[in-house]
Protein backbone atom coordinates (compact mmCIF):
# COMPACT_ATOMS: atom_id res chain seq x y z
CA UNK A 1 104.59 282.08 33.12
CA UNK A 2 108.45 281.34 33.90
CA UNK A 3 110.18 283.49 36.62
CA UNK A 4 113.43 285.44 35.64
CA UNK A 5 116.52 284.30 37.43
CA UNK A 6 119.92 284.59 36.92
CA UNK A 7 122.29 281.62 37.87
CA UNK A 8 125.75 282.13 39.70
CA UNK A 9 127.94 278.98 39.97
CA UNK A 10 130.48 279.07 42.74
CA UNK A 11 132.93 277.07 44.56
CA UNK A 12 132.22 276.52 48.29
CA UNK A 13 135.22 278.53 49.44
CA UNK A 14 134.03 281.56 47.47
CA UNK A 15 130.62 281.90 49.47
CA UNK A 16 131.04 284.71 52.07
CA UNK A 17 129.48 284.59 55.65
CA UNK A 18 126.26 286.85 54.23
CA UNK A 19 126.00 284.04 51.27
CA UNK A 20 125.64 281.54 54.20
CA UNK A 21 123.11 283.28 56.18
CA UNK A 22 120.91 283.94 52.94
CA UNK A 23 121.04 280.30 51.86
CA UNK A 24 120.44 279.13 55.70
CA UNK A 25 117.03 281.38 55.59
CA UNK A 26 116.28 279.97 51.90
CA UNK A 27 116.49 276.20 53.02
CA UNK A 28 114.73 276.96 56.38
CA UNK A 29 111.56 278.73 54.19
CA UNK A 30 112.07 275.84 51.46
CA UNK A 31 112.35 272.78 53.58
CA UNK A 32 110.26 273.60 56.65
CA UNK A 33 107.25 273.07 55.36
CA UNK A 34 108.10 269.54 54.72
CA UNK A 35 108.65 269.20 58.29
CA UNK A 36 110.49 271.32 61.12
CA UNK A 37 113.03 268.13 61.42
CA UNK A 38 113.87 269.01 57.61
CA UNK A 39 114.81 272.54 58.17
CA UNK A 40 116.52 271.81 61.48
CA UNK A 41 120.17 271.41 60.22
CA UNK A 42 120.10 274.89 58.55
CA UNK A 43 120.51 276.77 61.79
CA UNK A 44 122.74 279.88 62.54
CA UNK A 45 124.48 280.21 59.69
CA UNK A 46 124.96 276.61 58.46
CA UNK A 47 123.92 276.43 54.85
CA UNK A 48 124.30 272.44 54.20
CA UNK A 49 122.75 269.44 55.80
CA UNK A 50 125.18 266.62 55.57
CA UNK A 51 128.30 266.60 53.81
CA UNK A 52 129.29 270.00 52.51
CA UNK A 53 129.12 270.71 48.53
CA UNK A 54 132.34 271.77 46.45
CA UNK A 55 130.33 273.45 44.22
CA UNK A 56 126.69 275.63 44.17
CA UNK A 57 124.73 276.79 41.35
CA UNK A 58 122.13 279.39 43.09
CA UNK A 59 119.48 281.10 41.41
CA UNK A 60 118.64 284.85 42.05
CA UNK A 61 115.49 287.03 41.80
CA UNK A 62 114.51 290.23 42.62
CA UNK A 63 113.55 288.66 46.11
CA UNK A 64 116.77 286.78 46.90
CA UNK A 65 118.05 283.11 46.27
CA UNK A 66 115.33 281.64 44.03
CA UNK A 67 116.75 278.12 43.94
CA UNK A 68 119.53 276.00 44.75
CA UNK A 69 121.42 272.74 44.13
CA UNK A 70 124.75 271.72 45.41
CA UNK A 71 127.27 269.44 43.80
CA UNK A 72 129.94 267.15 45.68
CA UNK A 73 132.45 264.78 43.32
CA UNK A 74 132.69 261.03 45.56
CA UNK A 75 133.25 257.89 45.17
CA UNK A 76 129.91 255.45 45.73
CA UNK A 77 129.54 251.72 45.56
CA UNK A 78 126.77 250.02 43.67
CA UNK A 79 126.72 246.66 45.03
CA UNK A 80 130.55 245.74 44.80
CA UNK A 81 131.42 248.64 41.82
CA UNK A 82 133.24 251.61 42.80
CA UNK A 83 131.96 254.64 40.74
CA UNK A 84 133.09 258.32 40.71
CA UNK A 85 129.90 260.58 40.45
CA UNK A 86 128.95 264.08 41.10
CA UNK A 87 126.21 263.92 43.81
CA UNK A 88 123.43 266.44 43.28
CA UNK A 89 121.74 267.79 46.26
CA UNK A 90 120.34 270.33 48.55
CA UNK A 91 118.04 270.98 45.68
CA UNK A 92 115.02 273.54 46.71
CA UNK A 93 113.08 275.97 44.90
CA UNK A 94 111.14 278.99 46.92
CA UNK A 95 107.74 277.97 47.56
CA UNK A 96 106.60 280.89 45.92
CA UNK A 97 108.46 279.92 42.33
CA UNK A 98 107.20 276.25 42.31
CA UNK A 99 105.57 275.58 38.97
CA UNK A 100 106.91 278.36 37.31
CA UNK A 101 109.27 276.34 35.10
CA UNK A 102 112.81 277.25 37.43
CA UNK A 103 113.43 273.47 37.56
CA UNK A 104 113.98 273.33 33.69
CA UNK A 105 116.69 276.13 34.28
CA UNK A 106 118.50 273.60 36.37
CA UNK A 107 120.17 272.68 33.01
CA UNK A 108 122.99 274.91 33.76
CA UNK A 109 124.75 272.55 35.88
CA UNK A 110 125.01 270.06 32.76
CA UNK A 111 128.13 271.68 31.38
CA UNK A 112 129.73 272.09 34.87
CA UNK A 113 129.13 268.20 35.46
CA UNK A 114 131.00 267.79 31.66
CA UNK A 115 133.56 270.31 32.82
CA UNK A 116 134.34 268.21 36.04
CA UNK A 117 134.58 265.04 33.82
CA UNK A 118 132.44 262.81 35.90
CA UNK A 119 130.76 259.79 34.16
CA UNK A 120 127.49 260.38 36.10
CA UNK A 121 125.40 263.08 38.23
CA UNK A 122 123.63 261.09 41.21
CA UNK A 123 121.20 262.10 43.73
CA UNK A 124 118.25 260.86 45.74
CA UNK A 125 114.84 262.30 46.37
CA UNK A 126 111.92 261.62 48.73
CA UNK A 127 109.23 259.35 46.74
CA UNK A 128 106.77 262.16 47.14
CA UNK A 129 108.82 264.35 44.46
CA UNK A 130 108.44 261.45 41.97
CA UNK A 131 106.13 263.38 39.68
CA UNK A 132 108.56 266.49 39.80
CA UNK A 133 111.45 264.33 38.90
CA UNK A 134 109.92 262.58 36.28
CA UNK A 135 109.11 265.67 34.50
CA UNK A 136 112.85 266.68 34.43
CA UNK A 137 113.38 262.96 33.15
CA UNK A 138 111.37 263.42 30.18
CA UNK A 139 113.87 265.64 28.42
CA UNK A 140 116.43 262.99 28.84
CA UNK A 141 118.38 264.83 31.42
CA UNK A 142 117.62 262.20 34.19
CA UNK A 143 116.72 258.32 34.81
CA UNK A 144 114.81 257.73 37.80
CA UNK A 145 114.98 254.32 39.51
CA UNK A 146 113.45 252.55 42.27
CA UNK A 147 113.98 249.62 44.56
CA UNK A 148 117.44 250.76 45.36
CA UNK A 149 118.45 250.95 49.05
CA UNK A 150 120.96 253.97 49.88
CA UNK A 151 123.18 253.75 52.78
CA UNK A 152 124.61 257.03 54.39
CA UNK A 153 126.82 257.99 57.26
CA UNK A 154 125.23 260.39 59.73
CA UNK A 155 126.87 263.99 59.25
CA UNK A 156 128.05 263.71 63.23
CA UNK A 157 128.42 260.63 65.18
CA UNK A 158 125.72 260.47 68.22
CA UNK A 159 125.89 258.19 71.09
CA UNK A 160 122.44 256.81 70.79
CA UNK A 161 122.00 256.27 67.22
CA UNK A 162 124.22 254.15 64.92
CA UNK A 163 126.64 255.29 62.62
CA UNK A 164 124.86 254.64 59.39
CA UNK A 165 121.34 255.17 57.74
CA UNK A 166 119.65 252.98 55.35
CA UNK A 167 116.83 254.31 53.21
CA UNK A 168 114.60 253.63 50.20
CA UNK A 169 114.62 257.03 48.19
CA UNK A 170 114.21 257.54 44.68
CA UNK A 171 117.71 257.51 42.99
CA UNK A 172 118.19 259.96 39.83
CA UNK A 173 121.10 259.28 37.50
CA UNK A 174 122.22 261.62 34.88
CA UNK A 175 124.19 260.53 32.17
CA UNK A 176 127.11 262.64 31.90
CA UNK A 177 130.30 261.25 30.66
CA UNK A 178 129.06 258.02 29.78
CA UNK A 179 125.86 256.26 28.49
CA UNK A 180 123.33 255.03 31.11
CA UNK A 181 123.41 251.55 29.95
CA UNK A 182 127.12 251.70 31.77
CA UNK A 183 125.53 252.56 35.38
CA UNK A 184 126.31 249.19 37.29
CA UNK A 185 123.01 247.05 38.00
CA UNK A 186 122.38 246.87 41.89
CA UNK A 187 119.83 247.08 44.57
CA UNK A 188 122.30 248.97 46.91
CA UNK A 189 124.45 252.08 46.77
CA UNK A 190 126.58 252.86 49.54
CA UNK A 191 127.75 256.70 49.69
CA UNK A 192 130.40 255.99 52.21
CA UNK A 193 130.08 259.32 53.61
CA UNK A 194 127.00 261.76 54.70
CA UNK A 195 124.17 262.73 52.05
CA UNK A 196 125.18 265.87 50.48
């Protein structure tokens, strides 16, 4: 049984304080079960964790925010190659809706990516989400790559930590304006900024 949701696409500057508060509560409920550290960035009315998105796709149902994905255009480096992408992040589905097919409705962002004229969508996920992302990729929307290190800056400079972080996530690539064969080969991606 699929849950009925309505999607709202909005630029970051269109969100009201009440929207940020509602999204903050959504992220705390969604990310909290994966570890209290994962919910920590979403305190007060902060509805972003690292970089702030420029565009959001938010799904609503009768109980409020049902799902969310953020987008941010940026240049990344794949080894030595500069590449324009739309980074996808802040992905979440309300826990009571998991397994009901909501992830397939994320296709709502594909026309937006085409309008933004980016060659690729790009994101990273924890290896624990491999099966979930692989299901989405079966429909030809995403390619999942492993064995790629990703460097990001921390969202704020801290005196007791290095300014960058290295991770080994799964890399998700969505061919938008160019075929996947144009994605540069490489084993290192530098975001040159904080993760979305």
